[in-house]
Amino acid sequence: MVAVWVGDRVLVLRQSYRVHLNLPGGGIEKGETPIEAALRELREEVGLELPPEVVEVAWVGEALWDWRHDHVTSFVVHLDGLPPLRPDGREVVEARLINPLAVLAGPQAPFVEAYLLHRLAAAARGE
């Protein structure tokens, strides 16, 4: 999962098979590192190409999701602006920047909620 931030807005996706907003991400393929998987998912889902050096680990946790126990590494990227995105149109039908509180107001994946709450708590502490 990758949280792409532009200012105080986070990039969210609407997927064709889910009712809620999500952050870019997906599974790790054989032979990939978590960061390689995160960068591949960004490229595949919205056409965003980023070098590994701009990505850092933001949160690591576990959650029950889609009837399975997932170990999730969340990465964060801070950009000054967002290039035109190209949602793949199959899995991802919309990609946009949004206030993270709007994401938390609706149903979301447990790891998205955990990451955003962690991020907002750190910001409230001045970190």
C-alpha atoms as a PDB file:
ATOM      1  CA  MET A   1       0.000   0.000   0.000  1.00  0.00           C
ATOM      2  CA  VAL A   2       1.311   3.440  -0.921  1.00  0.00           C
ATOM      3  CA  ALA A   3       0.059   6.694   0.514  1.00  0.00           C
ATOM      4  CA  VAL A   4       0.836   9.393  -2.034  1.00  0.00           C
ATOM      5  CA  TRP A   5       0.506  12.812  -0.408  1.00  0.00           C
ATOM      6  CA  VAL A   6       0.309  16.162  -2.139  1.00  0.00           C
ATOM      7  CA  GLY A   7       0.125  18.731   0.640  1.00  0.00           C
ATOM      8  CA  ASP A   8      -2.604  17.623   3.044  1.00  0.00           C
ATOM      9  CA  ARG A   9      -4.385  15.440   0.473  1.00  0.00           C
ATOM     10  CA  VAL A  10      -3.880  11.746  -0.119  1.00  0.00           C
ATOM     11  CA  LEU A  11      -4.321   9.842  -3.383  1.00  0.00           C
ATOM     12  CA  VAL A  12      -7.242   7.436  -3.199  1.00  0.00           C
ATOM     13  CA  LEU A  13      -8.614   4.923  -5.652  1.00  0.00           C
ATOM     14  CA  ARG A  14     -12.080   3.673  -6.347  1.00  0.00           C
ATOM     15  CA  GLN A  15     -11.870   0.081  -7.466  1.00  0.00           C
ATOM     16  CA  SER A  16     -14.436  -1.619  -9.664  1.00  0.00           C
ATOM     17  CA  TYR A  17     -15.019  -4.416  -7.165  1.00  0.00           C
ATOM     18  CA  ARG A  18     -15.141  -2.492  -3.855  1.00  0.00           C
ATOM     19  CA  VAL A  19     -17.612   0.011  -2.414  1.00  0.00           C
ATOM     20  CA  HIS A  20     -15.066   2.102  -0.541  1.00  0.00           C
ATOM     21  CA  LEU A  21     -12.021   4.213  -1.327  1.00  0.00           C
ATOM     22  CA  ASN A  22      -8.630   2.591  -1.070  1.00  0.00           C
ATOM     23  CA  LEU A  23      -4.951   3.455  -1.357  1.00  0.00           C
ATOM     24  CA  PRO A  24      -2.846   2.082  -4.212  1.00  0.00           C
ATOM     25  CA  GLY A  25      -1.357  -1.303  -3.483  1.00  0.00           C
ATOM     26  CA  GLY A  26      -1.613  -5.020  -3.826  1.00  0.00           C
ATOM     27  CA  GLY A  27       0.184  -8.281  -3.350  1.00  0.00           C
ATOM     28  CA  ILE A  28       3.866  -9.027  -3.612  1.00  0.00           C
ATOM     29  CA  GLU A  29       4.825 -11.220  -6.543  1.00  0.00           C
ATOM     30  CA  LYS A  30       7.452 -13.939  -6.279  1.00  0.00           C
ATOM     31  CA  GLY A  31      10.928 -12.415  -6.189  1.00  0.00           C
ATOM     32  CA  GLU A  32       9.728  -8.879  -5.385  1.00  0.00           C
ATOM     33  CA  THR A  33      10.564  -6.827  -2.348  1.00  0.00           C
ATOM     34  CA  PRO A  34       7.715  -4.912  -0.697  1.00  0.00           C
ATOM     35  CA  ILE A  35       8.951  -1.617  -2.160  1.00  0.00           C
ATOM     36  CA  GLU A  36       9.232  -3.123  -5.654  1.00  0.00           C
ATOM     37  CA  ALA A  37       5.649  -4.376  -5.335  1.00  0.00           C
ATOM     38  CA  ALA A  38       4.444  -0.956  -4.165  1.00  0.00           C
ATOM     39  CA  LEU A  39       6.096   0.805  -7.105  1.00  0.00           C
ATOM     40  CA  ARG A  40       4.746  -1.784  -9.554  1.00  0.00           C
ATOM     41  CA  GLU A  41       1.218  -1.372  -8.187  1.00  0.00           C
ATOM     42  CA  LEU A  42       1.415   2.431  -8.539  1.00  0.00           C
ATOM     43  CA  ARG A  43       2.555   1.995 -12.137  1.00  0.00           C
ATOM     44  CA  GLU A  44      -0.077  -0.626 -12.994  1.00  0.00           C
ATOM     45  CA  GLU A  45      -3.033   0.973 -11.202  1.00  0.00           C
ATOM     46  CA  VAL A  46      -2.603   4.661 -12.093  1.00  0.00           C
ATOM     47  CA  GLY A  47       0.438   4.955 -14.366  1.00  0.00           C
ATOM     48  CA  LEU A  48       2.535   6.717 -11.730  1.00  0.00           C
ATOM     49  CA  GLU A  49       6.261   6.019 -12.133  1.00  0.00           C
ATOM     50  CA  LEU A  50       8.376   6.839  -9.079  1.00  0.00           C
ATOM     51  CA  PRO A  51      11.992   6.073  -8.193  1.00  0.00           C
ATOM     52  CA  PRO A  52      12.504   3.943  -5.079  1.00  0.00           C
ATOM     53  CA  GLU A  53      14.451   6.678  -3.282  1.00  0.00           C
ATOM     54  CA  VAL A  54      11.321   8.866  -2.836  1.00  0.00           C
ATOM     55  CA  VAL A  55       9.415   6.069  -1.079  1.00  0.00           C
ATOM     56  CA  GLU A  56       9.777   5.284   2.615  1.00  0.00           C
ATOM     57  CA  VAL A  57       8.126   2.871   5.029  1.00  0.00           C
ATOM     58  CA  ALA A  58       5.314   4.579   6.944  1.00  0.00           C
ATOM     59  CA  TRP A  59       3.504   1.820   8.845  1.00  0.00           C
ATOM     60  CA  VAL A  60       3.695  -1.949   9.203  1.00  0.00           C
ATOM     61  CA  GLY A  61       0.856  -4.005  10.601  1.00  0.00           C
ATOM     62  CA  GLU A  62      -1.459  -6.945  10.272  1.00  0.00           C
ATOM     63  CA  ALA A  63      -5.165  -7.044   9.605  1.00  0.00           C
ATOM     64  CA  LEU A  64      -7.967  -9.420   8.755  1.00  0.00           C
ATOM     65  CA  TRP A  65      -9.086  -8.462   5.254  1.00  0.00           C
ATOM     66  CA  ASP A  66     -11.142 -10.297   2.649  1.00  0.00           C
ATOM     67  CA  TRP A  67     -11.320 -13.360   4.902  1.00  0.00           C
ATOM     68  CA  ARG A  68      -7.549 -13.637   5.208  1.00  0.00           C
ATOM     69  CA  HIS A  69      -4.872 -12.440   7.588  1.00  0.00           C
ATOM     70  CA  ASP A  70      -2.680  -9.906   5.761  1.00  0.00           C
ATOM     71  CA  HIS A  71       0.691  -8.505   6.745  1.00  0.00           C
ATOM     72  CA  VAL A  72       0.815  -4.998   5.293  1.00  0.00           C
ATOM     73  CA  THR A  73       3.722  -2.641   4.726  1.00  0.00           C
ATOM     74  CA  SER A  74       2.532   0.878   4.017  1.00  0.00           C
ATOM     75  CA  PHE A  75       4.796   3.246   2.170  1.00  0.00           C
ATOM     76  CA  VAL A  76       4.562   7.008   1.922  1.00  0.00           C
ATOM     77  CA  VAL A  77       5.521   9.434  -0.828  1.00  0.00           C
ATOM     78  CA  HIS A  78       5.333  13.214  -0.614  1.00  0.00           C
ATOM     79  CA  LEU A  79       5.019  15.023  -3.948  1.00  0.00           C
ATOM     80  CA  ASP A  80       4.794  18.719  -4.800  1.00  0.00           C
ATOM     81  CA  GLY A  81       2.210  17.951  -7.459  1.00  0.00           C
ATOM     82  CA  LEU A  82       0.552  15.032  -9.137  1.00  0.00           C
ATOM     83  CA  PRO A  83       1.178  14.244 -12.794  1.00  0.00           C
ATOM     84  CA  PRO A  84      -1.821  13.180 -14.877  1.00  0.00           C
ATOM     85  CA  LEU A  85      -2.911   9.763 -13.659  1.00  0.00           C
ATOM     86  CA  ARG A  86      -4.051   6.924 -15.877  1.00  0.00           C
ATOM     87  CA  PRO A  87      -6.348   4.573 -13.932  1.00  0.00           C
ATOM     88  CA  ASP A  88      -6.281   1.194 -15.614  1.00  0.00           C
ATOM     89  CA  GLY A  89     -10.081   1.261 -16.123  1.00  0.00           C
ATOM     90  CA  ARG A  90     -10.488  -2.377 -15.109  1.00  0.00           C
ATOM     91  CA  GLU A  91      -9.503  -2.607 -11.480  1.00  0.00           C
ATOM     92  CA  VAL A  92      -9.195   1.122 -10.799  1.00  0.00           C
ATOM     93  CA  VAL A  93     -12.026   3.285 -12.129  1.00  0.00           C
ATOM     94  CA  GLU A  94     -11.146   6.549 -10.364  1.00  0.00           C
ATOM     95  CA  ALA A  95      -8.070   8.132  -8.775  1.00  0.00           C
ATOM     96  CA  ARG A  96      -8.129  11.479  -6.963  1.00  0.00           C
ATOM     97  CA  LEU A  97      -6.664  13.503  -4.127  1.00  0.00           C
ATOM     98  CA  ILE A  98      -8.848  13.808  -1.045  1.00  0.00           C
ATOM     99  CA  ASN A  99      -8.731  14.918   2.578  1.00  0.00           C
ATOM    100  CA  PRO A 100      -7.861  11.862   4.691  1.00  0.00           C
ATOM    101  CA  LEU A 101     -10.749  12.592   7.055  1.00  0.00           C
ATOM    102  CA  ALA A 102     -13.137  12.012   4.149  1.00  0.00           C
ATOM    103  CA  VAL A 103     -11.622   8.552   3.696  1.00  0.00           C
ATOM    104  CA  LEU A 104     -12.034   7.815   7.410  1.00  0.00           C
ATOM    105  CA  ALA A 105     -15.672   8.959   7.304  1.00  0.00           C
ATOM    106  CA  GLY A 106     -16.665   6.008   5.166  1.00  0.00           C
ATOM    107  CA  PRO A 107     -15.970   2.307   5.222  1.00  0.00           C
ATOM    108  CA  GLN A 108     -12.381   1.446   4.404  1.00  0.00           C
ATOM    109  CA  ALA A 109      -9.956  -1.407   4.616  1.00  0.00           C
ATOM    110  CA  PRO A 110      -8.643  -1.923   8.161  1.00  0.00           C
ATOM    111  CA  PHE A 111      -5.048  -1.231   7.143  1.00  0.00           C
ATOM    112  CA  VAL A 112      -6.045   2.015   5.386  1.00  0.00           C
ATOM    113  CA  GLU A 113      -7.800   3.118   8.563  1.00  0.00           C
ATOM    114  CA  ALA A 114      -4.832   2.099  10.733  1.00  0.00           C
ATOM    115  CA  TYR A 115      -2.332   3.951   8.542  1.00  0.00           C
ATOM    116  CA  LEU A 116      -4.425   7.146   8.308  1.00  0.00           C
ATOM    117  CA  LEU A 117      -5.101   7.206  12.059  1.00  0.00           C
ATOM    118  CA  HIS A 118      -1.373   6.691  12.695  1.00  0.00           C
ATOM    119  CA  ARG A 119      -0.539   9.526  10.295  1.00  0.00           C
ATOM    120  CA  LEU A 120      -3.100  11.942  11.777  1.00  0.00           C
ATOM    121  CA  ALA A 121      -2.011  11.146  15.354  1.00  0.00           C
ATOM    122  CA  ALA A 122       1.633  11.806  14.448  1.00  0.00           C
ATOM    123  CA  ALA A 123       0.669  15.121  12.826  1.00  0.00           C
ATOM    124  CA  ALA A 124      -1.293  16.105  15.948  1.00  0.00           C
ATOM    125  CA  ARG A 125       1.822  15.431  18.035  1.00  0.00           C
ATOM    126  CA  GLY A 126       3.863  17.598  15.659  1.00  0.00           C
ATOM    127  CA  GLU A 127       5.846  14.712  14.157  1.00  0.00           C
END
